[in-house]
C-alpha cells in the first residue's frame, strides 16, 4: 500500500495527530462499528447503573452527532488534500 506524505504527515501512523486527512478518514471509518456497539450498549448500561435510560440516549445522540461531523470534516479535508496533491504533482518540491 502506498504511503502518502503531506507536510510531514503520514497516511499511516499510530498517533492520530501525525496522520494526514486520508489516514484520519480511514481511522474514523474503523471507529464506526465500535461506536455502533457503544450506542447499543449505553442505554442498557445506564438503565442498570443509574436507573435512567435517558442518560444513555443522550450519550448516543452526542456520540452520533460527533461521529457524523468528524466523518464529514475528514471527508472534505481528504478530498481537498487529494486535489492539492494532484495539482502539485509528485515532483513538486516539499517545503520545510
PDB file of N, CA and C in Angstrom:
ATOM      1  N   UNK A   1       0.842  -1.170   0.000  1.00  0.00           N
ATOM      2  CA  UNK A   1       0.000   0.000   0.000  1.00  0.00           C
ATOM      3  C   UNK A   1       0.892   1.240   0.000  1.00  0.00           C
ATOM      4  N   UNK A   2       0.562   2.208  -0.835  1.00  0.00           N
ATOM      5  CA  UNK A   2       1.349   3.426  -0.972  1.00  0.00           C
ATOM      6  C   UNK A   2       1.123   4.344   0.225  1.00  0.00           C
ATOM      7  N   UNK A   3       2.211   4.878   0.749  1.00  0.00           N
ATOM      8  CA  UNK A   3       2.127   5.795   1.884  1.00  0.00           C
ATOM      9  C   UNK A   3       2.248   7.225   1.367  1.00  0.00           C
ATOM     10  N   UNK A   4       1.269   8.042   1.648  1.00  0.00           N
ATOM     11  CA  UNK A   4       1.263   9.428   1.199  1.00  0.00           C
ATOM     12  C   UNK A   4       1.784  10.314   2.317  1.00  0.00           C
ATOM     13  N   UNK A   5       2.717  11.195   1.970  1.00  0.00           N
ATOM     14  CA  UNK A   5       3.254  12.115   2.961  1.00  0.00           C
ATOM     15  C   UNK A   5       2.925  13.537   2.525  1.00  0.00           C
ATOM     16  N   UNK A   6       2.219  14.268   3.372  1.00  0.00           N
ATOM     17  CA  UNK A   6       1.845  15.651   3.095  1.00  0.00           C
ATOM     18  C   UNK A   6       2.276  16.497   4.282  1.00  0.00           C
ATOM     19  N   UNK A   7       3.134  17.463   4.020  1.00  0.00           N
ATOM     20  CA  UNK A   7       3.602  18.402   5.048  1.00  0.00           C
ATOM     21  C   UNK A   7       4.080  17.670   6.302  1.00  0.00           C
ATOM     22  N   UNK A   8       4.837  16.586   6.095  1.00  0.00           N
ATOM     23  CA  UNK A   8       5.382  15.850   7.220  1.00  0.00           C
ATOM     24  C   UNK A   8       4.409  14.891   7.867  1.00  0.00           C
ATOM     25  N   UNK A   9       3.220  14.768   7.336  1.00  0.00           N
ATOM     26  CA  UNK A   9       2.211  13.879   7.922  1.00  0.00           C
ATOM     27  C   UNK A   9       2.119  12.615   7.078  1.00  0.00           C
ATOM     28  N   UNK A  10       1.851  11.490   7.738  1.00  0.00           N
ATOM     29  CA  UNK A  10       1.811  10.201   7.062  1.00  0.00           C
ATOM     30  C   UNK A  10       0.385   9.691   6.938  1.00  0.00           C
ATOM     31  N   UNK A  11       0.218   8.815   5.945  1.00  0.00           N
ATOM     32  CA  UNK A  11      -1.061   8.165   5.722  1.00  0.00           C
ATOM     33  C   UNK A  11      -1.349   7.171   6.849  1.00  0.00           C
ATOM     34  N   UNK A  12      -0.309   6.487   7.312  1.00  0.00           N
ATOM     35  CA  UNK A  12      -0.470   5.503   8.378  1.00  0.00           C
ATOM     36  C   UNK A  12       0.459   5.878   9.521  1.00  0.00           C
ATOM     37  N   UNK A  13      -0.104   6.006  10.681  1.00  0.00           N
ATOM     38  CA  UNK A  13       0.671   6.338  11.869  1.00  0.00           C
ATOM     39  C   UNK A  13      -0.091   5.836  13.080  1.00  0.00           C
ATOM     40  N   UNK A  14       0.631   5.559  14.131  1.00  0.00           N
ATOM     41  CA  UNK A  14      -0.020   5.126  15.358  1.00  0.00           C
ATOM     42  C   UNK A  14      -0.693   6.309  16.053  1.00  0.00           C
ATOM     43  N   UNK A  15      -0.088   7.479  15.924  1.00  0.00           N
ATOM     44  CA  UNK A  15      -0.593   8.686  16.580  1.00  0.00           C
ATOM     45  C   UNK A  15      -1.513   9.435  15.620  1.00  0.00           C
ATOM     46  N   UNK A  16      -2.741   9.672  16.045  1.00  0.00           N
ATOM     47  CA  UNK A  16      -3.767  10.296  15.202  1.00  0.00           C
ATOM     48  C   UNK A  16      -3.324  11.657  14.690  1.00  0.00           C
ATOM     49  N   UNK A  17      -2.674  12.458  15.522  1.00  0.00           N
ATOM     50  CA  UNK A  17      -2.306  13.832  15.156  1.00  0.00           C
ATOM     51  C   UNK A  17      -1.195  13.875  14.121  1.00  0.00           C
ATOM     52  N   UNK A  18      -0.452  12.772  13.945  1.00  0.00           N
ATOM     53  CA  UNK A  18       0.616  12.731  12.946  1.00  0.00           C
ATOM     54  C   UNK A  18       0.121  12.231  11.593  1.00  0.00           C
ATOM     55  N   UNK A  19      -1.170  11.997  11.461  1.00  0.00           N
ATOM     56  CA  UNK A  19      -1.724  11.451  10.223  1.00  0.00           C
ATOM     57  C   UNK A  19      -2.213  12.571   9.314  1.00  0.00           C
ATOM     58  N   UNK A  20      -2.203  12.284   8.004  1.00  0.00           N
ATOM     59  CA  UNK A  20      -2.849  13.207   7.076  1.00  0.00           C
ATOM     60  C   UNK A  20      -4.352  12.898   7.095  1.00  0.00           C
ATOM     61  N   UNK A  21      -5.125  13.668   6.337  1.00  0.00           N
ATOM     62  CA  UNK A  21      -6.584  13.519   6.425  1.00  0.00           C
ATOM     63  C   UNK A  21      -7.087  12.213   5.822  1.00  0.00           C
ATOM     64  N   UNK A  22      -6.367  11.663   4.858  1.00  0.00           N
ATOM     65  CA  UNK A  22      -6.755  10.366   4.299  1.00  0.00           C
ATOM     66  C   UNK A  22      -6.657   9.286   5.383  1.00  0.00           C
ATOM     67  N   UNK A  23      -5.591   9.329   6.155  1.00  0.00           N
ATOM     68  CA  UNK A  23      -5.421   8.384   7.258  1.00  0.00           C
ATOM     69  C   UNK A  23      -6.428   8.611   8.368  1.00  0.00           C
ATOM     70  N   UNK A  24      -6.712   9.888   8.664  1.00  0.00           N
ATOM     71  CA  UNK A  24      -7.710  10.197   9.694  1.00  0.00           C
ATOM     72  C   UNK A  24      -9.091   9.710   9.271  1.00  0.00           C
ATOM     73  N   UNK A  25      -9.409   9.851   7.982  1.00  0.00           N
ATOM     74  CA  UNK A  25     -10.700   9.373   7.484  1.00  0.00           C
ATOM     75  C   UNK A  25     -10.789   7.854   7.612  1.00  0.00           C
ATOM     76  N   UNK A  26      -9.712   7.162   7.259  1.00  0.00           N
ATOM     77  CA  UNK A  26      -9.696   5.698   7.381  1.00  0.00           C
ATOM     78  C   UNK A  26      -9.874   5.292   8.844  1.00  0.00           C
ATOM     79  N   UNK A  27      -9.198   5.981   9.758  1.00  0.00           N
ATOM     80  CA  UNK A  27      -9.310   5.679  11.189  1.00  0.00           C
ATOM     81  C   UNK A  27     -10.731   5.943  11.685  1.00  0.00           C
ATOM     82  N   UNK A  28     -11.356   7.020  11.203  1.00  0.00           N
ATOM     83  CA  UNK A  28     -12.727   7.336  11.607  1.00  0.00           C
ATOM     84  C   UNK A  28     -13.679   6.249  11.137  1.00  0.00           C
ATOM     85  N   UNK A  29     -13.516   5.780   9.895  1.00  0.00           N
ATOM     86  CA  UNK A  29     -14.376   4.702   9.395  1.00  0.00           C
ATOM     87  C   UNK A  29     -14.187   3.421  10.212  1.00  0.00           C
ATOM     88  N   UNK A  30     -12.959   3.178  10.695  1.00  0.00           N
ATOM     89  CA  UNK A  30     -12.725   1.986  11.514  1.00  0.00           C
ATOM     90  C   UNK A  30     -13.404   2.101  12.878  1.00  0.00           C
ATOM     91  N   UNK A  31     -13.651   3.311  13.344  1.00  0.00           N
ATOM     92  CA  UNK A  31     -14.294   3.524  14.641  1.00  0.00           C
ATOM     93  C   UNK A  31     -15.817   3.405  14.586  1.00  0.00           C
ATOM     94  N   UNK A  32     -16.402   3.451  13.394  1.00  0.00           N
ATOM     95  CA  UNK A  32     -17.863   3.402  13.262  1.00  0.00           C
ATOM     96  C   UNK A  32     -18.456   2.141  13.901  1.00  0.00           C
ATOM     97  N   UNK A  33     -17.940   0.931  13.620  1.00  0.00           N
ATOM     98  CA  UNK A  33     -18.531  -0.255  14.270  1.00  0.00           C
ATOM     99  C   UNK A  33     -18.426  -0.218  15.797  1.00  0.00           C
ATOM    100  N   UNK A  34     -17.320   0.306  16.311  1.00  0.00           N
ATOM    101  CA  UNK A  34     -17.156   0.405  17.762  1.00  0.00           C
ATOM    102  C   UNK A  34     -18.196   1.363  18.342  1.00  0.00           C
ATOM    103  N   UNK A  35     -18.425   2.469  17.657  1.00  0.00           N
ATOM    104  CA  UNK A  35     -19.429   3.440  18.115  1.00  0.00           C
ATOM    105  C   UNK A  35     -20.833   2.849  18.069  1.00  0.00           C
ATOM    106  N   UNK A  36     -21.116   2.056  17.054  1.00  0.00           N
ATOM    107  CA  UNK A  36     -22.436   1.417  16.956  1.00  0.00           C
ATOM    108  C   UNK A  36     -22.652   0.481  18.143  1.00  0.00           C
ATOM    109  N   UNK A  37     -21.634  -0.304  18.472  1.00  0.00           N
ATOM    110  CA  UNK A  37     -21.736  -1.210  19.625  1.00  0.00           C
ATOM    111  C   UNK A  37     -21.943  -0.405  20.911  1.00  0.00           C
ATOM    112  N   UNK A  38     -21.186   0.684  21.077  1.00  0.00           N
ATOM    113  CA  UNK A  38     -21.360   1.534  22.265  1.00  0.00           C
ATOM    114  C   UNK A  38     -22.759   2.134  22.325  1.00  0.00           C
ATOM    115  N   UNK A  39     -23.291   2.512  21.159  1.00  0.00           N
ATOM    116  CA  UNK A  39     -24.629   3.109  21.125  1.00  0.00           C
ATOM    117  C   UNK A  39     -25.709   2.087  21.477  1.00  0.00           C
ATOM    118  N   UNK A  40     -25.454   0.823  21.217  1.00  0.00           N
ATOM    119  CA  UNK A  40     -26.414  -0.227  21.583  1.00  0.00           C
ATOM    120  C   UNK A  40     -26.321  -0.527  23.079  1.00  0.00           C
ATOM    121  N   UNK A  41     -25.103  -0.572  23.594  1.00  0.00           N
ATOM    122  CA  UNK A  41     -24.882  -0.944  24.994  1.00  0.00           C
ATOM    123  C   UNK A  41     -25.236   0.183  25.973  1.00  0.00           C
ATOM    124  N   UNK A  42     -24.996   1.433  25.597  1.00  0.00           N
ATOM    125  CA  UNK A  42     -25.125   2.572  26.521  1.00  0.00           C
ATOM    126  C   UNK A  42     -26.479   2.665  27.221  1.00  0.00           C
ATOM    127  N   UNK A  43     -27.615   2.572  26.520  1.00  0.00           N
ATOM    128  CA  UNK A  43     -28.896   2.688  27.242  1.00  0.00           C
ATOM    129  C   UNK A  43     -29.107   1.575  28.275  1.00  0.00           C
ATOM    130  N   UNK A  44     -28.676   0.353  27.948  1.00  0.00           N
ATOM    131  CA  UNK A  44     -28.823  -0.754  28.892  1.00  0.00           C
ATOM    132  C   UNK A  44     -27.933  -0.544  30.116  1.00  0.00           C
ATOM    133  N   UNK A  45     -26.704  -0.101  29.877  1.00  0.00           N
ATOM    134  CA  UNK A  45     -25.772   0.136  30.977  1.00  0.00           C
ATOM    135  C   UNK A  45     -26.273   1.258  31.886  1.00  0.00           C
ATOM    136  N   UNK A  46     -26.689   2.358  31.298  1.00  0.00           N
ATOM    137  CA  UNK A  46     -27.139   3.487  32.128  1.00  0.00           C
ATOM    138  C   UNK A  46     -28.440   3.168  32.857  1.00  0.00           C
ATOM    139  N   UNK A  47     -29.305   2.376  32.243  1.00  0.00           N
ATOM    140  CA  UNK A  47     -30.542   1.980  32.927  1.00  0.00           C
ATOM    141  C   UNK A  47     -30.216   1.132  34.147  1.00  0.00           C
ATOM    142  N   UNK A  48     -29.244   0.246  34.009  1.00  0.00           N
ATOM    143  CA  UNK A  48     -28.859  -0.628  35.104  1.00  0.00           C
ATOM    144  C   UNK A  48     -28.066   0.131  36.173  1.00  0.00           C
ATOM    145  N   UNK A  49     -27.137   0.977  35.743  1.00  0.00           N
ATOM    146  CA  UNK A  49     -26.227   1.655  36.670  1.00  0.00           C
ATOM    147  C   UNK A  49     -26.848   2.886  37.325  1.00  0.00           C
ATOM    148  N   UNK A  50     -27.577   3.678  36.539  1.00  0.00           N
ATOM    149  CA  UNK A  50     -28.108   4.950  37.043  1.00  0.00           C
ATOM    150  C   UNK A  50     -29.629   4.975  37.150  1.00  0.00           C
ATOM    151  N   UNK A  51     -30.285   3.935  36.696  1.00  0.00           N
ATOM    152  CA  UNK A  51     -31.737   3.875  36.776  1.00  0.00           C
ATOM    153  C   UNK A  51     -32.446   4.734  35.747  1.00  0.00           C
ATOM    154  N   UNK A  52     -31.729   5.166  34.716  1.00  0.00           N
ATOM    155  CA  UNK A  52     -32.330   6.020  33.691  1.00  0.00           C
ATOM    156  C   UNK A  52     -31.757   5.686  32.316  1.00  0.00           C
ATOM    157  N   UNK A  53     -32.658   5.440  31.391  1.00  0.00           N
ATOM    158  CA  UNK A  53     -32.248   5.176  30.012  1.00  0.00           C
ATOM    159  C   UNK A  53     -31.875   6.482  29.313  1.00  0.00           C
ATOM    160  N   UNK A  54     -32.416   7.594  29.789  1.00  0.00           N
ATOM    161  CA  UNK A  54     -32.190   8.887  29.130  1.00  0.00           C
ATOM    162  C   UNK A  54     -30.713   9.269  29.075  1.00  0.00           C
ATOM    163  N   UNK A  55     -29.952   8.946  30.094  1.00  0.00           N
ATOM    164  CA  UNK A  55     -28.518   9.250  30.090  1.00  0.00           C
ATOM    165  C   UNK A  55     -27.846   8.534  28.922  1.00  0.00           C
ATOM    166  N   UNK A  56     -28.210   7.288  28.709  1.00  0.00           N
ATOM    167  CA  UNK A  56     -27.663   6.522  27.589  1.00  0.00           C
ATOM    168  C   UNK A  56     -28.106   7.063  26.248  1.00  0.00           C
ATOM    169  N   UNK A  57     -29.356   7.500  26.167  1.00  0.00           N
ATOM    170  CA  UNK A  57     -29.868   8.060  24.912  1.00  0.00           C
ATOM    171  C   UNK A  57     -29.158   9.376  24.596  1.00  0.00           C
ATOM    172  N   UNK A  58     -28.956  10.202  25.610  1.00  0.00           N
ATOM    173  CA  UNK A  58     -28.226  11.462  25.404  1.00  0.00           C
ATOM    174  C   UNK A  58     -26.794  11.165  24.954  1.00  0.00           C
ATOM    175  N   UNK A  59     -26.158  10.194  25.581  1.00  0.00           N
ATOM    176  CA  UNK A  59     -24.815   9.779  25.170  1.00  0.00           C
ATOM    177  C   UNK A  59     -24.816   9.333  23.713  1.00  0.00           C
ATOM    178  N   UNK A  60     -25.821   8.539  23.328  1.00  0.00           N
ATOM    179  CA  UNK A  60     -25.930   8.067  21.946  1.00  0.00           C
ATOM    180  C   UNK A  60     -26.074   9.215  20.958  1.00  0.00           C
ATOM    181  N   UNK A  61     -26.908  10.177  21.291  1.00  0.00           N
ATOM    182  CA  UNK A  61     -27.126  11.321  20.390  1.00  0.00           C
ATOM    183  C   UNK A  61     -25.835  12.122  20.234  1.00  0.00           C
ATOM    184  N   UNK A  62     -25.158  12.392  21.345  1.00  0.00           N
ATOM    185  CA  UNK A  62     -23.904  13.152  21.284  1.00  0.00           C
ATOM    186  C   UNK A  62     -22.854  12.383  20.485  1.00  0.00           C
ATOM    187  N   UNK A  63     -22.719  11.096  20.742  1.00  0.00           N
ATOM    188  CA  UNK A  63     -21.756  10.263  20.022  1.00  0.00           C
ATOM    189  C   UNK A  63     -22.056  10.239  18.532  1.00  0.00           C
ATOM    190  N   UNK A  64     -23.324  10.106  18.177  1.00  0.00           N
ATOM    191  CA  UNK A  64     -23.723  10.067  16.770  1.00  0.00           C
ATOM    192  C   UNK A  64     -23.406  11.385  16.065  1.00  0.00           C
ATOM    193  N   UNK A  65     -23.760  12.495  16.701  1.00  0.00           N
ATOM    194  CA  UNK A  65     -23.519  13.815  16.090  1.00  0.00           C
ATOM    195  C   UNK A  65     -22.019  14.059  15.909  1.00  0.00           C
ATOM    196  N   UNK A  66     -21.236  13.757  16.929  1.00  0.00           N
ATOM    197  CA  UNK A  66     -19.789  13.957  16.838  1.00  0.00           C
ATOM    198  C   UNK A  66     -19.192  13.069  15.748  1.00  0.00           C
ATOM    199  N   UNK A  67     -19.629  11.826  15.665  1.00  0.00           N
ATOM    200  CA  UNK A  67     -19.095  10.900  14.661  1.00  0.00           C
ATOM    201  C   UNK A  67     -19.437  11.366  13.250  1.00  0.00           C
ATOM    202  N   UNK A  68     -20.668  11.795  13.031  1.00  0.00           N
ATOM    203  CA  UNK A  68     -21.072  12.271  11.699  1.00  0.00           C
ATOM    204  C   UNK A  68     -20.290  13.528  11.327  1.00  0.00           C
ATOM    205  N   UNK A  69     -20.162  14.461  12.259  1.00  0.00           N
ATOM    206  CA  UNK A  69     -19.407  15.686  11.978  1.00  0.00           C
ATOM    207  C   UNK A  69     -17.938  15.382  11.686  1.00  0.00           C
ATOM    208  N   UNK A  70     -17.363  14.459  12.430  1.00  0.00           N
ATOM    209  CA  UNK A  70     -15.971  14.085  12.198  1.00  0.00           C
ATOM    210  C   UNK A  70     -15.808  13.432  10.827  1.00  0.00           C
ATOM    211  N   UNK A  71     -16.733  12.554  10.459  1.00  0.00           N
ATOM    212  CA  UNK A  71     -16.674  11.923   9.137  1.00  0.00           C
ATOM    213  C   UNK A  71     -16.788  12.959   8.022  1.00  0.00           C
ATOM    214  N   UNK A  72     -17.744  13.858   8.135  1.00  0.00           N
ATOM    215  CA  UNK A  72     -17.934  14.872   7.095  1.00  0.00           C
ATOM    216  C   UNK A  72     -16.712  15.781   6.980  1.00  0.00           C
ATOM    217  N   UNK A  73     -16.168  16.205   8.101  1.00  0.00           N
ATOM    218  CA  UNK A  73     -14.998  17.081   8.092  1.00  0.00           C
ATOM    219  C   UNK A  73     -13.794  16.375   7.468  1.00  0.00           C
ATOM    220  N   UNK A  74     -13.536  15.131   7.890  1.00  0.00           N
ATOM    221  CA  UNK A  74     -12.396  14.398   7.349  1.00  0.00           C
ATOM    222  C   UNK A  74     -12.577  14.074   5.872  1.00  0.00           C
ATOM    223  N   UNK A  75     -13.814  13.811   5.441  1.00  0.00           N
ATOM    224  CA  UNK A  75     -14.064  13.579   4.011  1.00  0.00           C
ATOM    225  C   UNK A  75     -13.740  14.830   3.203  1.00  0.00           C
ATOM    226  N   UNK A  76     -14.211  15.964   3.694  1.00  0.00           N
ATOM    227  CA  UNK A  76     -13.976  17.231   2.996  1.00  0.00           C
ATOM    228  C   UNK A  76     -12.479  17.531   2.915  1.00  0.00           C
ATOM    229  N   UNK A  77     -11.779  17.407   4.038  1.00  0.00           N
ATOM    230  CA  UNK A  77     -10.356  17.724   4.068  1.00  0.00           C
ATOM    231  C   UNK A  77      -9.531  16.710   3.265  1.00  0.00           C
ATOM    232  N   UNK A  78      -9.924  15.429   3.266  1.00  0.00           N
ATOM    233  CA  UNK A  78      -9.208  14.424   2.478  1.00  0.00           C
ATOM    234  C   UNK A  78      -9.371  14.701   0.988  1.00  0.00           C
ATOM    235  N   UNK A  79     -10.565  15.129   0.592  1.00  0.00           N
ATOM    236  CA  UNK A  79     -10.808  15.472  -0.807  1.00  0.00           C
ATOM    237  C   UNK A  79      -9.961  16.680  -1.213  1.00  0.00           C
ATOM    238  N   UNK A  80      -9.907  17.699  -0.352  1.00  0.00           N
ATOM    239  CA  UNK A  80      -9.074  18.878  -0.625  1.00  0.00           C
ATOM    240  C   UNK A  80      -7.598  18.494  -0.700  1.00  0.00           C
ATOM    241  N   UNK A  81      -7.169  17.629   0.201  1.00  0.00           N
ATOM    242  CA  UNK A  81      -5.784  17.178   0.236  1.00  0.00           C
ATOM    243  C   UNK A  81      -5.432  16.423  -1.048  1.00  0.00           C
ATOM    244  N   UNK A  82      -6.338  15.566  -1.499  1.00  0.00           N
ATOM    245  CA  UNK A  82      -6.124  14.807  -2.735  1.00  0.00           C
ATOM    246  C   UNK A  82      -6.048  15.749  -3.934  1.00  0.00           C
ATOM    247  N   UNK A  83      -6.932  16.732  -3.976  1.00  0.00           N
ATOM    248  CA  UNK A  83      -6.929  17.712  -5.070  1.00  0.00           C
ATOM    249  C   UNK A  83      -5.615  18.492  -5.067  1.00  0.00           C
ATOM    250  N   UNK A  84      -5.146  18.864  -3.895  1.00  0.00           N
ATOM    251  CA  UNK A  84      -3.895  19.604  -3.775  1.00  0.00           C
ATOM    252  C   UNK A  84      -2.712  18.740  -4.224  1.00  0.00           C
ATOM    253  N   UNK A  85      -2.730  17.465  -3.879  1.00  0.00           N
ATOM    254  CA  UNK A  85      -1.663  16.557  -4.299  1.00  0.00           C
ATOM    255  C   UNK A  85      -1.634  16.400  -5.808  1.00  0.00           C
ATOM    256  N   UNK A  86      -2.808  16.322  -6.438  1.00  0.00           N
ATOM    257  CA  UNK A  86      -2.858  16.205  -7.896  1.00  0.00           C
ATOM    258  C   UNK A  86      -2.347  17.469  -8.573  1.00  0.00           C
ATOM    259  N   UNK A  87      -2.669  18.629  -7.994  1.00  0.00           N
ATOM    260  CA  UNK A  87      -2.220  19.890  -8.587  1.00  0.00           C
ATOM    261  C   UNK A  87      -0.707  20.055  -8.453  1.00  0.00           C
ATOM    262  N   UNK A  88      -0.159  19.698  -7.305  1.00  0.00           N
ATOM    263  CA  UNK A  88       1.277  19.842  -7.073  1.00  0.00           C
ATOM    264  C   UNK A  88       2.080  18.789  -7.812  1.00  0.00           C
ATOM    265  N   UNK A  89       1.517  17.609  -7.952  1.00  0.00           N
ATOM    266  CA  UNK A  89       2.219  16.527  -8.627  1.00  0.00           C
ATOM    267  C   UNK A  89       3.298  15.932  -7.739  1.00  0.00           C
ATOM    268  N   UNK A  90       3.808  14.761  -8.125  1.00  0.00           N
ATOM    269  CA  UNK A  90       4.804  14.086  -7.295  1.00  0.00           C
ATOM    270  C   UNK A  90       6.173  14.763  -7.329  1.00  0.00           C
ATOM    271  N   UNK A  91       6.454  15.571  -8.370  1.00  0.00           N
ATOM    272  CA  UNK A  91       7.781  16.170  -8.490  1.00  0.00           C
ATOM    273  C   UNK A  91       7.867  17.558  -7.869  1.00  0.00           C
ATOM    274  N   UNK A  92       6.807  18.024  -7.250  1.00  0.00           N
ATOM    275  CA  UNK A  92       6.822  19.356  -6.640  1.00  0.00           C
ATOM    276  C   UNK A  92       7.744  19.350  -5.425  1.00  0.00           C
ATOM    277  N   UNK A  93       8.565  20.379  -5.273  1.00  0.00           N
ATOM    278  CA  UNK A  93       9.466  20.417  -4.111  1.00  0.00           C
ATOM    279  C   UNK A  93       8.683  20.598  -2.817  1.00  0.00           C
ATOM    280  N   UNK A  94       9.149  19.926  -1.785  1.00  0.00           N
ATOM    281  CA  UNK A  94       8.494  19.996  -0.491  1.00  0.00           C
ATOM    282  C   UNK A  94       9.139  21.080   0.355  1.00  0.00           C
ATOM    283  N   UNK A  95       8.325  21.883   0.990  1.00  0.00           N
ATOM    284  CA  UNK A  95       8.842  22.946   1.844  1.00  0.00           C
ATOM    285  C   UNK A  95       9.056  22.423   3.250  1.00  0.00           C
ATOM    286  N   UNK A  96      10.056  22.923   3.911  1.00  0.00           N
ATOM    287  CA  UNK A  96      10.263  22.570   5.312  1.00  0.00           C
ATOM    288  C   UNK A  96      11.190  21.513   5.494  1.00  0.00           C
TER     289      UNK A  96
END
